[in-house]
Amino acid sequence: MNRRRTEPFRGLIAGRSPIAIRIAGSVLALVALAFAVLALTNRAGTAARRSAEEVSAASGVKADEPIFAIVHPRPGGIARFTLQPGSVEAFEAVDLYAMVSGYLEIQTVDIGSHVKKGELLAKIGVPREESVAAESAALVEQAKAEVVLAETRLKSCAARRSTAETEVIQAKADVVRATAKHKLADSQLNRVKNLRERQVVDERLLEEQTNDAAANAALEQVSIIAVKTAEAKLNEAIIAIEQARAEVDQYRTAERVAEAKLAKAKVDLAYSKIVAPFDGVVTRRTFHPGAFIRAAGDGGAKPMLTVERTDLMRVVIRVPDRDVVLADAGDPAEVAIDALGGELFQGVIARIAESEDSASRTMRVEIDVPNPKRSLRSGMYGRAKIRLEQRNDRSTIPLACVFDRATDGRASVKIVRDGRVRTAKITIAGDDGVNVEVVSGLRPSDRVVVSPDTTLDDGANVLTTSYKK
């Protein structure tokens, strides 16, 4: 740095004021940064001019006409990334509690044990639940037997009803026959009476015929009574059937109640077995065999075991407000883990909260990362680089091409057509320090000047060469 330019800052430092020293340091840093940027821009322009001079010397053209390096707009906008710290979590983690109280009989796993879904991990001794289950099973068998007896009684009542119906039919037929005999006997009695009045038959025949008619009349009455008796028996059989059906329904209901109690007893008994909910690894063990386990519903606050799924991990990050609208499920991500020496893991955004935290103005985002080697562990820390956006309807050019850049995105570039230079107005979206993203104003075939001479008038003849970085 020029000695004369630094004299005022040395004066501030000589004043021995701590504030002055800090101000001077900050100013010096800003000046150094400005010179670095200027040097970088000059280096790009110098490279372009050196290339142009080489072309001029090789072609024999005099350097009277300016020679510039040119580039074509490159298809595709600038990819936008966000780099955020994140922590690794198991894809699934479950605390396994006891649902029944008792003594821990068996525990087949310990911390670090790899388990399969459905595998028995521990068993609690529950003799009371076992007794209840056995009693419930016996009650179910008893209820089934009572149902069978009730169904047998129903069948018996149905048979008696069938018999009663037959008896009613037979009794009615007997009434018909008795009525016919009665009528016949009355008819014969009337004929005998007529004959007796004419002294044709003996008195004894009249008495016999009178007795026969009386007997048939009595038989008819007996038949009618028999019909009523048979009908009464039929009604009794019908009532008995209804009662038997009610008993069958009652015992079937009792059977269902007994089966429900048995099912509950089996569930309570099943709670004594702790099984793995998924493939994973045991990361916590609280008790040892022989310890008394208190059910969670009875105040047991500690889980017996904790199992985590580790073949797939979640990396949880907080995306800042400016990037929230660009973060979408499916965006590719690259995660570097500090504990693994910055090893990179590939994944994608799997879930977004779609809501920002009002205090931090950040949104929770979860990245699913395969972990086939089990090298990722829950609690690890790293950084996630997420590719948020790349506009394919835009193009990019080197930042050194742009001049007269305004805050609203308007800027200018120099382009060459038919050996003549002219100024083109463009609209830009932003830059990444090396390239700038062009929204409008350029065509893919345009030849854009790198590090242009902004004092050169439009229409001037120029020579061009390809831009080399």
Protein backbone atom coordinates (compact mmCIF):
# COMPACT_ATOMS: atom_id res chain seq x y z
CA MET A 1 0.00 0.00 0.00
CA ASN A 2 1.18 3.55 -0.79
CA ARG A 3 3.02 5.12 2.17
CA ARG A 4 1.24 8.45 1.72
CA ARG A 5 -2.21 6.83 1.83
CA THR A 6 -1.51 5.13 5.15
CA GLU A 7 -0.20 8.17 6.99
CA PRO A 8 -3.64 9.30 8.39
CA PHE A 9 -4.26 5.84 9.82
CA ARG A 10 -0.84 5.81 11.48
CA GLY A 11 -1.76 9.07 13.09
CA LEU A 12 -4.89 7.54 14.56
CA ILE A 13 -2.94 4.60 15.88
CA ALA A 14 -0.34 6.91 17.39
CA GLY A 15 -3.12 8.53 19.42
CA ARG A 16 -3.20 5.39 21.58
CA SER A 17 -7.04 5.46 21.76
CA PRO A 18 -8.51 1.91 21.76
CA ILE A 19 -11.55 3.13 19.82
CA ALA A 20 -9.33 4.86 17.30
CA ILE A 21 -7.24 1.73 16.93
CA ARG A 22 -10.33 -0.39 16.26
CA ILE A 23 -11.69 2.16 13.75
CA ALA A 24 -8.37 2.29 11.99
CA GLY A 25 -8.21 -1.49 11.84
CA SER A 26 -11.69 -1.68 10.34
CA VAL A 27 -10.92 0.98 7.75
CA LEU A 28 -7.70 -0.75 6.81
CA ALA A 29 -9.58 -4.03 6.36
CA LEU A 30 -12.18 -2.37 4.10
CA VAL A 31 -9.47 -0.70 2.01
CA ALA A 32 -7.62 -3.99 1.66
CA LEU A 33 -10.86 -5.71 0.54
CA ALA A 34 -11.51 -2.96 -2.04
CA PHE A 35 -8.02 -3.32 -3.47
CA ALA A 36 -8.45 -7.10 -3.65
CA VAL A 37 -11.68 -6.77 -5.64
CA LEU A 38 -10.07 -4.18 -7.93
CA ALA A 39 -7.09 -6.45 -8.45
CA LEU A 40 -9.35 -9.37 -9.33
CA THR A 41 -11.26 -7.27 -11.89
CA ASN A 42 -8.01 -5.92 -13.37
CA ARG A 43 -6.66 -9.47 -13.57
CA ALA A 44 -9.68 -10.58 -15.62
CA GLY A 45 -9.36 -7.57 -17.94
CA THR A 46 -5.61 -8.05 -18.26
CA ALA A 47 -6.09 -11.72 -19.18
CA ALA A 48 -8.65 -10.76 -21.80
CA ARG A 49 -6.39 -8.08 -23.27
CA ARG A 50 -3.34 -10.37 -23.22
CA SER A 51 -5.34 -12.97 -25.15
CA ALA A 52 -6.48 -10.33 -27.61
CA GLU A 53 -2.91 -9.12 -28.12
CA GLU A 54 -1.80 -12.67 -28.81
CA VAL A 55 -4.52 -12.97 -31.48
CA SER A 56 -3.45 -9.67 -33.01
CA ALA A 57 0.17 -10.71 -33.17
CA ALA A 58 -0.65 -14.08 -34.67
CA SER A 59 -2.97 -12.63 -37.32
CA GLY A 60 -0.78 -9.67 -38.26
CA VAL A 61 -3.57 -7.19 -37.56
CA LYS A 62 -2.50 -3.89 -36.13
CA ALA A 63 -3.58 -3.14 -32.62
CA ASP A 64 -5.21 0.13 -33.75
CA GLU A 65 -8.57 -1.52 -33.43
CA PRO A 66 -9.49 -2.69 -29.92
CA ILE A 67 -9.41 -6.43 -29.30
CA PHE A 68 -11.77 -7.90 -26.70
CA ALA A 69 -12.49 -11.34 -25.33
CA ILE A 70 -16.08 -12.43 -25.81
CA VAL A 71 -18.36 -15.10 -24.35
CA HIS A 72 -21.76 -16.52 -25.24
CA PRO A 73 -24.50 -16.54 -22.56
CA ARG A 74 -24.47 -19.93 -20.89
CA PRO A 75 -27.93 -21.60 -20.63
CA GLY A 76 -29.30 -22.07 -17.13
CA GLY A 77 -29.41 -19.64 -14.27
CA ILE A 78 -27.27 -19.59 -11.14
CA ALA A 79 -28.09 -22.43 -8.79
CA ARG A 80 -29.11 -21.15 -5.38
CA PHE A 81 -27.95 -23.04 -2.32
CA THR A 82 -28.41 -22.73 1.40
CA LEU A 83 -25.80 -24.01 3.83
CA GLN A 84 -27.12 -24.62 7.34
CA PRO A 85 -25.95 -26.49 10.43
CA GLY A 86 -27.90 -29.62 11.24
CA SER A 87 -28.08 -32.49 13.70
CA VAL A 88 -28.52 -36.19 12.98
CA GLU A 89 -31.48 -38.03 14.45
CA ALA A 90 -32.65 -41.63 14.14
CA PHE A 91 -35.38 -42.05 11.56
CA GLU A 92 -37.51 -43.75 14.22
CA ALA A 93 -36.93 -43.91 17.98
CA VAL A 94 -39.28 -45.61 20.44
CA ASP A 95 -39.25 -45.80 24.23
CA LEU A 96 -40.68 -49.17 25.27
CA TYR A 97 -42.67 -49.06 28.54
CA ALA A 98 -44.25 -51.85 30.56
CA MET A 99 -48.06 -52.02 30.45
CA VAL A 100 -48.28 -54.51 33.35
CA SER A 101 -46.49 -54.63 36.68
CA GLY A 102 -44.34 -57.57 37.69
CA TYR A 103 -40.81 -58.90 37.98
CA LEU A 104 -38.51 -58.86 34.94
CA GLU A 105 -38.01 -62.54 34.12
CA ILE A 106 -36.15 -62.39 30.81
CA GLN A 107 -34.20 -59.71 28.96
CA THR A 108 -32.43 -60.95 25.83
CA VAL A 109 -30.81 -57.67 24.71
CA ASP A 110 -28.55 -54.92 26.01
CA ILE A 111 -27.27 -51.56 24.80
CA GLY A 112 -25.94 -51.92 21.25
CA SER A 113 -27.91 -55.06 20.42
CA HIS A 114 -29.23 -55.15 16.87
CA VAL A 115 -32.81 -56.38 16.76
CA LYS A 116 -35.37 -57.43 14.16
CA LYS A 117 -39.02 -56.41 14.03
CA GLY A 118 -41.15 -58.65 16.26
CA GLU A 119 -38.16 -60.08 18.15
CA LEU A 120 -38.73 -60.76 21.88
CA LEU A 121 -36.65 -58.32 23.92
CA ALA A 122 -37.94 -58.86 27.47
CA LYS A 123 -40.65 -60.69 29.44
CA ILE A 124 -42.30 -59.70 32.71
CA GLY A 125 -43.64 -62.33 35.11
CA VAL A 126 -47.39 -61.78 35.58
CA PRO A 127 -48.97 -64.80 37.36
CA ARG A 128 -52.17 -62.87 38.14
CA GLU A 129 -52.80 -62.11 34.46
CA GLU A 130 -52.01 -65.73 33.58
CA SER A 131 -54.64 -66.92 36.08
CA VAL A 132 -57.21 -64.49 34.73
CA ALA A 133 -56.51 -65.70 31.21
CA ALA A 134 -56.95 -69.36 32.24
CA GLU A 135 -60.21 -68.58 34.08
CA SER A 136 -61.51 -66.63 31.09
CA ALA A 137 -60.71 -69.54 28.78
CA ALA A 138 -62.67 -71.90 31.06
CA LEU A 139 -65.63 -69.51 31.13
CA VAL A 140 -65.62 -69.45 27.34
CA GLU A 141 -65.79 -73.25 27.20
CA GLN A 142 -68.63 -73.26 29.75
CA ALA A 143 -70.55 -70.67 27.77
CA LYS A 144 -70.11 -72.70 24.60
CA ALA A 145 -71.49 -75.80 26.35
CA GLU A 146 -74.52 -73.87 27.60
CA VAL A 147 -75.14 -72.62 24.07
CA VAL A 148 -75.09 -76.21 22.81
CA LEU A 149 -77.60 -77.28 25.51
CA ALA A 150 -79.87 -74.34 24.73
CA GLU A 151 -79.77 -75.14 21.02
CA THR A 152 -80.63 -78.78 21.85
CA ARG A 153 -83.65 -77.65 23.89
CA LEU A 154 -84.69 -75.45 21.01
CA LYS A 155 -84.59 -78.41 18.65
CA SER A 156 -86.61 -80.48 21.15
CA CYS A 157 -89.25 -77.75 21.41
CA ALA A 158 -89.40 -77.56 17.64
CA ALA A 159 -90.03 -81.33 17.52
CA ARG A 160 -92.81 -81.07 20.10
CA ARG A 161 -94.38 -78.29 18.10
CA SER A 162 -94.33 -80.47 15.00
CA THR A 163 -96.00 -83.28 16.98
CA ALA A 164 -98.60 -80.88 18.37
CA GLU A 165 -99.39 -79.59 14.92
CA THR A 166 -99.91 -83.22 13.74
CA GLU A 167 -102.17 -83.92 16.71
CA VAL A 168 -104.26 -80.84 15.91
CA ILE A 169 -104.68 -82.02 12.36
CA GLN A 170 -105.63 -85.55 13.53
CA ALA A 171 -108.09 -84.21 16.11
CA LYS A 172 -109.80 -82.03 13.52
CA ALA A 173 -110.09 -85.03 11.22
CA ASP A 174 -111.64 -87.01 14.08
CA VAL A 175 -114.19 -84.22 14.57
CA VAL A 176 -115.16 -84.43 10.93
CA ARG A 177 -115.65 -88.20 11.15
CA ALA A 178 -117.58 -87.95 14.44
CA THR A 179 -119.83 -85.26 13.03
CA ALA A 180 -120.57 -87.42 9.99
CA LYS A 181 -121.38 -90.44 12.15
CA HIS A 182 -123.55 -88.26 14.36
CA LYS A 183 -125.53 -87.01 11.39
CA LEU A 184 -125.89 -90.54 10.04
CA ALA A 185 -127.09 -91.82 13.41
CA ASP A 186 -129.65 -88.99 13.68
CA SER A 187 -130.90 -89.78 10.18
CA GLN A 188 -131.29 -93.48 10.98
CA LEU A 189 -133.01 -92.62 14.27
CA ASN A 190 -135.57 -90.52 12.41
CA ARG A 191 -136.29 -93.40 9.98
CA VAL A 192 -136.70 -95.86 12.83
CA LYS A 193 -139.06 -93.46 14.59
CA ASN A 194 -141.21 -93.27 11.46
CA LEU A 195 -141.25 -97.02 11.13
CA ARG A 196 -142.09 -97.45 14.81
CA GLU A 197 -145.02 -95.04 14.51
CA ARG A 198 -146.35 -97.30 11.76
CA GLN A 199 -145.70 -100.35 13.92
CA VAL A 200 -143.23 -101.71 11.33
CA VAL A 201 -140.26 -102.22 13.71
CA ASP A 202 -139.89 -103.31 17.27
CA GLU A 203 -139.54 -100.87 20.18
CA ARG A 204 -136.16 -102.29 21.01
CA LEU A 205 -134.75 -101.23 17.66
CA LEU A 206 -135.87 -97.69 18.34
CA GLU A 207 -134.12 -97.78 21.72
CA GLU A 208 -130.92 -99.12 20.13
CA GLN A 209 -130.95 -96.47 17.44
CA THR A 210 -131.63 -93.75 20.02
CA ASN A 211 -128.64 -94.93 22.09
CA ASP A 212 -126.44 -95.07 18.97
CA ALA A 213 -127.34 -91.48 18.04
CA ALA A 214 -126.61 -90.32 21.58
CA ALA A 215 -123.27 -92.13 21.52
CA ASN A 216 -122.26 -90.50 18.23
CA ALA A 217 -123.26 -87.10 19.57
CA ALA A 218 -121.06 -87.67 22.61
CA LEU A 219 -118.19 -88.86 20.38
CA GLU A 220 -118.50 -85.67 18.33
CA GLN A 221 -118.18 -83.57 21.51
CA VAL A 222 -115.17 -85.58 22.62
CA SER A 223 -113.50 -84.99 19.23
CA ILE A 224 -114.11 -81.25 19.49
CA ILE A 225 -112.56 -81.24 22.97
CA ALA A 226 -109.59 -83.22 21.62
CA VAL A 227 -109.02 -80.53 18.97
CA LYS A 228 -108.94 -77.83 21.64
CA THR A 229 -106.54 -79.91 23.71
CA ALA A 230 -104.23 -80.45 20.73
CA GLU A 231 -104.32 -76.73 19.91
CA ALA A 232 -103.44 -75.89 23.52
CA LYS A 233 -100.47 -78.27 23.31
CA LEU A 234 -99.41 -76.59 20.06
CA ASN A 235 -99.53 -73.16 21.69
CA GLU A 236 -97.44 -74.49 24.57
CA ALA A 237 -94.91 -75.86 22.09
CA ILE A 238 -94.75 -72.49 20.30
CA ILE A 239 -94.18 -70.68 23.60
CA ALA A 240 -91.52 -73.23 24.55
CA ILE A 241 -89.74 -72.58 21.25
CA GLU A 242 -89.68 -68.83 21.89
CA GLN A 243 -88.29 -69.44 25.36
CA ALA A 244 -85.66 -71.80 23.96
CA ARG A 245 -84.65 -69.24 21.34
CA ALA A 246 -84.33 -66.59 24.06
CA GLU A 247 -82.13 -68.95 26.05
CA VAL A 248 -79.96 -69.60 23.01
CA ASP A 249 -79.53 -65.84 22.48
CA GLN A 250 -78.79 -65.39 26.17
CA TYR A 251 -76.11 -68.05 26.24
CA ARG A 252 -74.61 -66.86 22.97
CA THR A 253 -74.35 -63.38 24.49
CA ALA A 254 -72.74 -64.89 27.57
CA GLU A 255 -70.32 -66.70 25.25
CA ARG A 256 -69.37 -63.43 23.52
CA VAL A 257 -68.86 -61.75 26.90
CA ALA A 258 -66.63 -64.60 28.00
CA GLU A 259 -64.66 -64.41 24.75
CA ALA A 260 -64.24 -60.64 25.20
CA LYS A 261 -62.92 -61.19 28.71
CA LEU A 262 -60.56 -63.84 27.39
CA ALA A 263 -59.34 -61.50 24.65
CA LYS A 264 -58.71 -58.79 27.24
CA ALA A 265 -56.88 -61.26 29.44
CA LYS A 266 -54.74 -62.31 26.46
CA VAL A 267 -53.94 -58.67 25.67
CA ASP A 268 -52.93 -58.06 29.29
CA LEU A 269 -50.83 -61.21 29.13
CA ALA A 270 -49.27 -60.10 25.83
CA TYR A 271 -48.25 -56.83 27.48
CA SER A 272 -45.85 -58.85 29.57
CA LYS A 273 -43.76 -59.41 26.41
CA ILE A 274 -41.72 -56.51 25.03
CA VAL A 275 -40.98 -56.94 21.31
CA ALA A 276 -39.05 -54.86 18.79
CA PRO A 277 -41.33 -52.48 16.83
CA PHE A 278 -38.92 -52.37 13.86
CA ASP A 279 -35.40 -53.33 12.80
CA GLY A 280 -32.92 -51.26 14.76
CA VAL A 281 -30.50 -51.06 17.66
CA VAL A 282 -31.05 -50.85 21.43
CA THR A 283 -29.72 -47.51 22.67
CA ARG A 284 -31.01 -47.59 26.25
CA ARG A 285 -31.55 -50.22 28.95
CA THR A 286 -32.95 -49.25 32.34
CA PHE A 287 -33.52 -52.53 34.23
CA HIS A 288 -31.90 -55.90 34.75
CA PRO A 289 -33.58 -59.32 35.19
CA GLY A 290 -35.15 -59.68 38.61
CA ALA A 291 -36.06 -56.00 38.96
CA PHE A 292 -39.66 -55.11 39.76
CA ILE A 293 -41.23 -53.31 36.82
CA ARG A 294 -44.03 -50.87 37.47
CA ALA A 295 -46.58 -50.43 34.69
CA ALA A 296 -46.71 -47.04 33.00
CA GLY A 297 -50.32 -46.66 34.09
CA ASP A 298 -49.26 -47.32 37.70
CA GLY A 299 -46.62 -44.61 37.74
CA GLY A 300 -43.73 -46.28 35.92
CA ALA A 301 -41.97 -43.24 34.46
CA LYS A 302 -38.86 -44.92 33.04
CA PRO A 303 -38.87 -46.86 29.77
CA MET A 304 -37.51 -50.39 29.91
CA LEU A 305 -35.68 -50.08 26.59
CA THR A 306 -35.18 -47.60 23.76
CA VAL A 307 -34.89 -48.82 20.18
CA GLU A 308 -33.77 -46.66 17.26
CA ARG A 309 -33.92 -47.31 13.54
CA THR A 310 -30.53 -46.48 12.03
CA ASP A 311 -30.56 -47.75 8.43
CA LEU A 312 -32.12 -44.40 7.49
CA MET A 313 -31.42 -41.18 9.39
CA ARG A 314 -32.98 -37.74 9.61
CA VAL A 315 -30.82 -34.64 9.42
CA VAL A 316 -32.74 -31.76 10.98
CA ILE A 317 -31.88 -28.20 9.97
CA ARG A 318 -33.48 -24.78 10.37
CA VAL A 319 -33.91 -22.92 7.07
CA PRO A 320 -33.84 -19.10 7.42
CA ASP A 321 -36.75 -16.94 6.35
CA ARG A 322 -35.18 -15.80 3.07
CA ASP A 323 -34.91 -19.41 1.83
CA VAL A 324 -38.18 -20.79 3.22
CA VAL A 325 -40.22 -20.18 0.05
CA LEU A 326 -37.60 -22.03 -2.04
CA ALA A 327 -37.29 -25.14 0.12
CA ASP A 328 -39.41 -28.00 -1.26
CA ALA A 329 -39.67 -31.72 -0.63
CA GLY A 330 -37.41 -33.52 -3.09
CA ASP A 331 -34.67 -30.85 -3.21
CA PRO A 332 -31.24 -32.58 -3.32
CA ALA A 333 -28.99 -32.12 -0.31
CA GLU A 334 -25.42 -32.90 0.67
CA VAL A 335 -24.55 -33.37 4.33
CA ALA A 336 -21.00 -33.09 5.72
CA ILE A 337 -20.52 -34.62 9.19
CA ASP A 338 -17.82 -33.13 11.43
CA ALA A 339 -17.26 -36.28 13.49
CA LEU A 340 -16.53 -38.25 10.30
CA GLY A 341 -13.93 -35.83 8.98
CA GLY A 342 -16.39 -33.98 6.79
CA GLU A 343 -17.53 -37.14 4.99
CA LEU A 344 -20.34 -36.31 2.58
CA PHE A 345 -23.72 -38.03 2.58
CA GLN A 346 -26.28 -37.58 -0.17
CA GLY A 347 -29.99 -37.16 0.57
CA VAL A 348 -33.10 -35.20 -0.26
CA ILE A 349 -35.51 -33.00 1.64
CA ALA A 350 -38.22 -35.37 2.84
CA ARG A 351 -40.35 -33.14 5.07
CA ILE A 352 -40.84 -29.41 5.62
CA ALA A 353 -42.77 -27.90 8.51
CA GLU A 354 -44.48 -25.31 6.27
CA SER A 355 -44.46 -22.99 9.28
CA GLU A 356 -41.75 -20.72 10.66
CA ASP A 357 -40.79 -20.43 14.29
CA SER A 358 -41.89 -16.97 15.37
CA ALA A 359 -38.84 -16.48 17.60
CA SER A 360 -36.04 -17.53 15.24
CA ARG A 361 -37.83 -16.92 11.89
CA THR A 362 -36.66 -20.30 10.69
CA MET A 363 -38.48 -23.39 9.43
CA ARG A 364 -37.76 -26.99 10.40
CA VAL A 365 -36.64 -29.13 7.47
CA GLU A 366 -35.80 -32.83 7.59
CA ILE A 367 -33.42 -34.52 5.16
CA ASP A 368 -33.56 -38.32 4.79
CA VAL A 369 -30.06 -39.80 4.49
CA PRO A 370 -29.46 -43.53 3.85
CA ASN A 371 -27.08 -45.05 6.40
CA PRO A 372 -26.24 -48.55 5.12
CA LYS A 373 -22.86 -48.70 6.93
CA ARG A 374 -24.36 -47.43 10.22
CA SER A 375 -21.63 -44.77 10.37
CA LEU A 376 -24.14 -42.00 11.14
CA ARG A 377 -25.13 -41.86 14.80
CA SER A 378 -27.96 -39.99 16.43
CA GLY A 379 -26.71 -36.70 17.86
CA MET A 380 -23.92 -36.11 15.32
CA TYR A 381 -23.46 -32.58 14.00
CA GLY A 382 -22.67 -31.26 10.54
CA ARG A 383 -23.67 -28.93 7.74
CA ALA A 384 -26.28 -29.49 5.05
CA LYS A 385 -25.95 -27.88 1.65
CA ILE A 386 -29.32 -27.81 -0.13
CA ARG A 387 -29.82 -26.92 -3.75
CA LEU A 388 -32.90 -24.73 -3.61
CA GLU A 389 -33.41 -23.39 -7.12
CA GLN A 390 -31.98 -23.12 -10.61
CA ARG A 391 -33.97 -21.23 -13.22
CA ASN A 392 -33.56 -22.98 -16.56
CA ASP A 393 -35.28 -20.13 -18.41
CA ARG A 394 -32.35 -17.82 -17.64
CA SER A 395 -28.70 -17.62 -18.67
CA THR A 396 -25.41 -16.58 -17.06
CA ILE A 397 -22.44 -14.47 -18.10
CA PRO A 398 -19.26 -13.50 -16.24
CA LEU A 399 -19.68 -10.68 -13.74
CA ALA A 400 -16.85 -8.83 -15.50
CA CYS A 401 -19.14 -8.28 -18.53
CA VAL A 402 -21.56 -6.03 -16.64
CA PHE A 403 -21.36 -2.26 -16.12
CA ASP A 404 -23.78 0.50 -15.14
CA ARG A 405 -25.49 -1.89 -12.75
CA ALA A 406 -28.49 -0.44 -10.89
CA THR A 407 -30.16 -1.59 -7.69
CA ASP A 408 -33.36 -2.50 -9.53
CA GLY A 409 -31.60 -5.17 -11.60
CA ARG A 410 -30.99 -3.08 -14.73
CA ALA A 411 -27.48 -3.14 -16.20
CA SER A 412 -25.53 -2.82 -19.44
CA VAL A 413 -23.17 -5.01 -21.46
CA LYS A 414 -21.23 -4.63 -24.69
CA ILE A 415 -21.98 -7.08 -27.48
CA VAL A 416 -20.27 -7.53 -30.85
CA ARG A 417 -22.21 -8.03 -34.08
CA ASP A 418 -20.60 -8.01 -37.54
CA GLY A 419 -17.34 -6.77 -36.05
CA ARG A 420 -18.93 -3.72 -34.44
CA VAL A 421 -19.59 -3.13 -30.80
CA ARG A 422 -22.79 -1.81 -29.31
CA THR A 423 -24.35 -1.42 -25.87
CA ALA A 424 -27.21 -3.72 -24.80
CA LYS A 425 -29.53 -3.16 -21.86
CA ILE A 426 -30.19 -6.24 -19.76
CA THR A 427 -32.05 -7.20 -16.60
CA ILE A 428 -30.25 -9.32 -14.04
CA ALA A 429 -31.46 -11.27 -11.00
CA GLY A 430 -28.28 -11.58 -8.95
CA ASP A 431 -24.77 -12.98 -8.92
CA ASP A 432 -22.58 -15.41 -7.02
CA GLY A 433 -19.42 -13.27 -7.14
CA VAL A 434 -18.21 -14.86 -10.39
CA ASN A 435 -21.21 -15.00 -12.71
CA VAL A 436 -24.37 -12.96 -13.05
CA GLU A 437 -27.84 -14.32 -13.86
CA VAL A 438 -29.52 -12.66 -16.84
CA VAL A 439 -33.31 -12.40 -16.87
CA SER A 440 -33.75 -10.63 -20.21
CA GLY A 441 -31.92 -8.64 -22.87
CA LEU A 442 -29.61 -11.29 -24.32
CA ARG A 443 -29.92 -14.09 -26.85
CA PRO A 444 -27.93 -17.36 -26.75
CA SER A 445 -26.11 -16.35 -29.93
CA ASP A 446 -24.97 -12.94 -28.63
CA ARG A 447 -21.22 -12.33 -28.28
CA VAL A 448 -20.76 -10.51 -25.00
CA VAL A 449 -17.57 -8.54 -24.29
CA VAL A 450 -15.64 -9.38 -21.13
CA SER A 451 -14.21 -6.37 -19.24
CA PRO A 452 -15.49 -3.91 -21.90
CA ASP A 453 -14.15 -0.41 -22.51
CA THR A 454 -17.25 1.58 -21.56
CA THR A 455 -15.89 4.71 -23.29
CA LEU A 456 -15.90 3.00 -26.66
CA ASP A 457 -18.68 4.36 -28.88
CA ASP A 458 -21.32 2.08 -30.32
CA GLY A 459 -20.56 1.08 -33.92
CA ALA A 460 -16.79 1.01 -33.46
CA ASN A 461 -14.84 -1.75 -35.18
CA VAL A 462 -13.29 -4.25 -32.79
CA LEU A 463 -11.46 -7.52 -32.92
CA THR A 464 -12.58 -10.47 -30.73
CA THR A 465 -11.12 -13.58 -29.24
CA SER A 466 -12.59 -16.32 -27.07
CA TYR A 467 -12.57 -15.60 -23.35
CA LYS A 468 -10.24 -17.78 -21.30
CA LYS A 469 -10.69 -17.92 -17.59
